[in-house]
Amino acid sequence: MKTKDKIVQAALELFNENGERSITTNHIAAHIGISPGNLYYHFRNKQELIREIFKLYSKELLEWFAPVKGNTEGLAVLKHYLNAIFTLMWKYRFFYSNLPDILRRDEQLHSEYIEVQHKLKVNLVEIIQLFVDLRLLSIQQDDIENFVTTLHMIVCGWLSYQSAMSSNITVTESIIHRGMLQMIYVVKPRATELGQRQLQLLEEGVTAMYI
């Protein structure tokens, strides 16, 4: 692995374990056994590192939430997107935990974030339409965009909400699983009879993961 890639992976690991605010570039350099000067050769400061991590996150986000094409089976599609939520929230949990503060400190990153989220929203609208076409959800065309916004708010704000509700919280897989259950809870009232059965199977699967 190239030194630049090692730096990025070390930063992601340390940010997730300790919180981005408490980690310096010196911590990151020491973690992989290089000098601070070697790190600065690749990244001038911590903010550049965060931007690089965001690029990786954005690429994965749009890949995971690309609309499924061709023949589709409802439960498999639901599992795919639910797994995507868990995978991204866990892998980039430092970002989800402190999103407003991270974006407030970097105007360039904030602009890039908004651009990616616009692309994501287009994909999410198409995905919800797919669920309607598969007769898993019953939503009027005019309501789909608002529904997508609600789901997006839950995902983006879940870890921040958990942090606000506890004075000393460590993000665990269990906490993210509870966020997934919250998503299912919000989707259920919009589900058809078939969709309700599929969502029940998903709910049971998610619950079994951390009980």
Protein backbone atom coordinates (compact mmCIF):
# COMPACT_ATOMS: atom_id res chain seq x y z
CA MET A 1 0.00 0.00 0.00
CA LYS A 2 1.32 3.45 -0.89
CA THR A 3 2.23 5.83 1.93
CA LYS A 4 -0.56 8.23 0.94
CA ASP A 5 -3.14 5.45 1.17
CA LYS A 6 -1.73 4.31 4.53
CA ILE A 7 -2.10 7.84 5.85
CA VAL A 8 -5.73 8.03 4.75
CA GLN A 9 -6.60 4.63 6.24
CA ALA A 10 -4.83 5.48 9.51
CA ALA A 11 -6.67 8.80 9.73
CA LEU A 12 -10.02 7.11 9.14
CA GLU A 13 -9.28 4.48 11.79
CA LEU A 14 -8.16 7.03 14.40
CA PHE A 15 -10.99 9.47 13.65
CA ASN A 16 -13.51 6.64 14.09
CA GLU A 17 -11.97 5.36 17.31
CA ASN A 18 -11.21 8.67 19.03
CA GLY A 19 -13.20 11.39 17.28
CA GLU A 20 -11.80 13.64 14.61
CA ARG A 21 -11.32 16.67 16.90
CA SER A 22 -8.96 14.82 19.26
CA ILE A 23 -6.64 13.45 16.56
CA THR A 24 -3.76 15.49 15.11
CA THR A 25 -1.56 14.85 12.11
CA ASN A 26 1.21 13.90 14.56
CA HIS A 27 -1.01 11.15 15.98
CA ILE A 28 -1.65 9.85 12.47
CA ALA A 29 2.03 9.90 11.52
CA ALA A 30 3.02 8.09 14.71
CA HIS A 31 0.28 5.49 14.18
CA ILE A 32 1.90 4.29 10.94
CA GLY A 33 5.50 5.00 11.95
CA ILE A 34 6.36 7.89 9.64
CA SER A 35 7.64 11.39 10.37
CA PRO A 36 5.25 14.37 10.42
CA GLY A 37 7.25 15.77 7.51
CA ASN A 38 6.51 12.67 5.45
CA LEU A 39 2.82 13.10 6.16
CA TYR A 40 2.93 16.79 5.19
CA TYR A 41 4.52 15.80 1.88
CA HIS A 42 1.20 14.15 1.01
CA PHE A 43 -1.25 16.31 2.97
CA ARG A 44 -0.58 19.88 4.06
CA ASN A 45 -2.98 19.66 7.01
CA LYS A 46 -5.68 17.56 8.63
CA GLN A 47 -8.41 19.26 6.62
CA GLU A 48 -6.93 17.95 3.37
CA LEU A 49 -7.00 14.49 4.89
CA ILE A 50 -10.67 14.84 5.78
CA ARG A 51 -11.42 15.93 2.21
CA GLU A 52 -9.61 12.87 0.89
CA ILE A 53 -11.66 10.60 3.16
CA PHE A 54 -14.80 12.37 2.00
CA LYS A 55 -13.90 11.57 -1.63
CA LEU A 56 -13.71 7.88 -0.75
CA TYR A 57 -17.00 8.11 1.14
CA SER A 58 -18.74 9.92 -1.73
CA LYS A 59 -17.60 7.34 -4.26
CA GLU A 60 -18.89 4.47 -2.12
CA LEU A 61 -22.11 6.31 -1.31
CA LEU A 62 -23.08 6.81 -4.94
CA GLU A 63 -22.03 3.27 -5.85
CA TRP A 64 -24.05 1.68 -3.05
CA PHE A 65 -27.09 3.80 -3.79
CA ALA A 66 -27.10 3.43 -7.55
CA PRO A 67 -30.58 2.33 -8.66
CA VAL A 68 -30.78 -1.42 -9.28
CA LYS A 69 -31.39 -2.32 -12.91
CA GLY A 70 -32.88 -5.41 -14.55
CA ASN A 71 -34.89 -8.15 -12.87
CA THR A 72 -35.18 -7.50 -9.15
CA GLU A 73 -36.50 -9.39 -6.14
CA GLY A 74 -37.99 -7.12 -3.53
CA LEU A 75 -36.45 -8.53 -0.36
CA ALA A 76 -32.98 -8.76 -1.93
CA VAL A 77 -33.16 -5.12 -3.00
CA LEU A 78 -34.32 -3.99 0.43
CA LYS A 79 -31.48 -5.93 2.06
CA HIS A 80 -28.98 -4.40 -0.33
CA TYR A 81 -29.88 -0.83 0.55
CA LEU A 82 -30.23 -1.52 4.27
CA ASN A 83 -26.78 -3.11 4.22
CA ALA A 84 -25.50 -0.03 2.41
CA ILE A 85 -26.75 2.20 5.21
CA PHE A 86 -25.04 0.11 7.88
CA THR A 87 -21.78 -0.27 5.93
CA LEU A 88 -21.34 3.44 5.30
CA MET A 89 -22.44 4.61 8.74
CA TRP A 90 -20.04 2.21 10.41
CA LYS A 91 -17.07 2.73 8.09
CA TYR A 92 -17.34 6.54 8.20
CA ARG A 93 -18.92 6.92 11.61
CA PHE A 94 -16.75 9.88 12.66
CA PHE A 95 -18.22 11.84 9.77
CA TYR A 96 -21.83 11.01 10.64
CA SER A 97 -21.21 11.70 14.34
CA ASN A 98 -19.95 15.24 13.88
CA LEU A 99 -21.22 16.26 10.44
CA PRO A 100 -22.37 19.87 11.09
CA ASP A 101 -19.12 20.82 12.82
CA ILE A 102 -16.91 19.22 10.16
CA LEU A 103 -18.75 20.99 7.34
CA ARG A 104 -18.86 24.33 9.17
CA ARG A 105 -15.06 24.37 9.38
CA ASP A 106 -14.47 23.83 5.66
CA GLU A 107 -16.39 25.79 3.04
CA GLN A 108 -14.91 23.77 0.18
CA LEU A 109 -15.88 20.48 1.79
CA HIS A 110 -19.36 21.80 2.50
CA SER A 111 -19.86 22.68 -1.18
CA GLU A 112 -18.63 19.25 -2.24
CA TYR A 113 -20.94 17.60 0.30
CA ILE A 114 -23.99 19.46 -1.01
CA GLU A 115 -23.13 18.52 -4.59
CA VAL A 116 -22.85 14.83 -3.69
CA GLN A 117 -26.08 14.91 -1.69
CA HIS A 118 -27.94 16.36 -4.69
CA LYS A 119 -26.72 13.44 -6.80
CA LEU A 120 -27.69 11.03 -4.04
CA LYS A 121 -31.19 12.46 -3.78
CA VAL A 122 -31.81 11.86 -7.49
CA ASN A 123 -30.78 8.23 -6.98
CA LEU A 124 -32.91 7.84 -3.86
CA VAL A 125 -36.02 9.13 -5.62
CA GLU A 126 -35.45 6.55 -8.34
CA ILE A 127 -34.92 3.82 -5.74
CA ILE A 128 -38.16 4.64 -3.93
CA GLN A 129 -39.95 4.64 -7.27
CA LEU A 130 -38.53 1.15 -7.84
CA PHE A 131 -40.05 0.01 -4.53
CA VAL A 132 -43.38 1.47 -5.63
CA ASP A 133 -43.10 -0.37 -8.96
CA LEU A 134 -42.31 -3.60 -7.08
CA ARG A 135 -45.49 -3.00 -5.06
CA LEU A 136 -43.59 -2.87 -1.80
CA LEU A 137 -44.51 0.75 -1.07
CA SER A 138 -47.61 2.79 -1.74
CA ILE A 139 -46.61 6.43 -2.18
CA GLN A 140 -48.06 9.10 -4.42
CA GLN A 141 -45.65 10.45 -7.00
CA ASP A 142 -45.81 13.93 -5.50
CA ASP A 143 -44.85 12.58 -2.06
CA ILE A 144 -41.75 10.62 -3.01
CA GLU A 145 -39.29 13.49 -2.76
CA ASN A 146 -40.51 14.50 0.71
CA PHE A 147 -40.38 10.87 1.81
CA VAL A 148 -36.78 10.63 0.60
CA THR A 149 -35.91 13.78 2.54
CA THR A 150 -37.32 12.27 5.73
CA LEU A 151 -35.30 9.07 5.35
CA HIS A 152 -32.19 11.06 4.49
CA MET A 153 -32.60 13.18 7.64
CA ILE A 154 -32.78 10.05 9.81
CA VAL A 155 -29.60 8.57 8.37
CA CYS A 156 -27.60 11.81 8.44
CA GLY A 157 -28.74 12.79 11.92
CA TRP A 158 -28.91 9.47 13.72
CA LEU A 159 -25.44 9.43 15.29
CA SER A 160 -25.56 13.15 16.10
CA TYR A 161 -28.89 12.56 17.83
CA GLN A 162 -27.45 9.70 19.86
CA SER A 163 -24.50 11.89 20.89
CA ALA A 164 -26.86 14.68 21.95
CA MET A 165 -28.89 12.26 24.08
CA SER A 166 -25.88 10.96 25.99
CA SER A 167 -23.01 12.78 27.69
CA ASN A 168 -20.55 9.97 26.97
CA ILE A 169 -21.36 7.80 23.97
CA THR A 170 -19.24 5.35 22.03
CA VAL A 171 -20.61 4.57 18.60
CA THR A 172 -21.16 0.82 18.34
CA GLU A 173 -22.64 -1.45 15.71
CA SER A 174 -25.66 -1.83 18.00
CA ILE A 175 -26.37 1.91 17.84
CA ILE A 176 -26.26 1.86 14.05
CA HIS A 177 -28.51 -1.20 13.97
CA ARG A 178 -31.04 0.73 16.05
CA GLY A 179 -30.89 3.49 13.46
CA MET A 180 -31.72 0.92 10.79
CA LEU A 181 -34.72 -0.20 12.82
CA GLN A 182 -35.83 3.41 13.05
CA MET A 183 -35.69 3.59 9.25
CA ILE A 184 -37.86 0.49 8.96
CA TYR A 185 -40.32 1.97 11.47
CA VAL A 186 -40.72 5.10 9.32
CA VAL A 187 -41.10 3.10 6.10
CA LYS A 188 -43.70 0.64 7.46
CA PRO A 189 -46.75 2.94 7.29
CA ARG A 190 -46.07 3.42 3.57
CA ALA A 191 -45.66 -0.30 2.86
CA THR A 192 -48.14 -2.48 1.01
CA GLU A 193 -49.19 -5.85 2.44
CA LEU A 194 -46.30 -7.47 0.55
CA GLY A 195 -43.96 -4.73 1.72
CA GLN A 196 -45.03 -5.20 5.33
CA ARG A 197 -44.08 -8.87 5.16
CA GLN A 198 -40.71 -8.09 3.62
CA LEU A 199 -39.98 -5.35 6.14
CA GLN A 200 -40.90 -7.69 9.00
CA LEU A 201 -38.29 -10.15 7.79
CA LEU A 202 -35.73 -7.36 7.61
CA GLU A 203 -36.64 -6.11 11.07
CA GLU A 204 -36.24 -9.57 12.55
CA GLY A 205 -32.87 -9.94 10.85
CA VAL A 206 -31.57 -6.60 12.09
CA THR A 207 -32.85 -7.25 15.62
CA ALA A 208 -31.11 -10.63 15.72
CA MET A 209 -27.80 -8.94 14.93
CA TYR A 210 -27.48 -7.20 18.28
CA ILE A 211 -29.76 -9.01 20.72
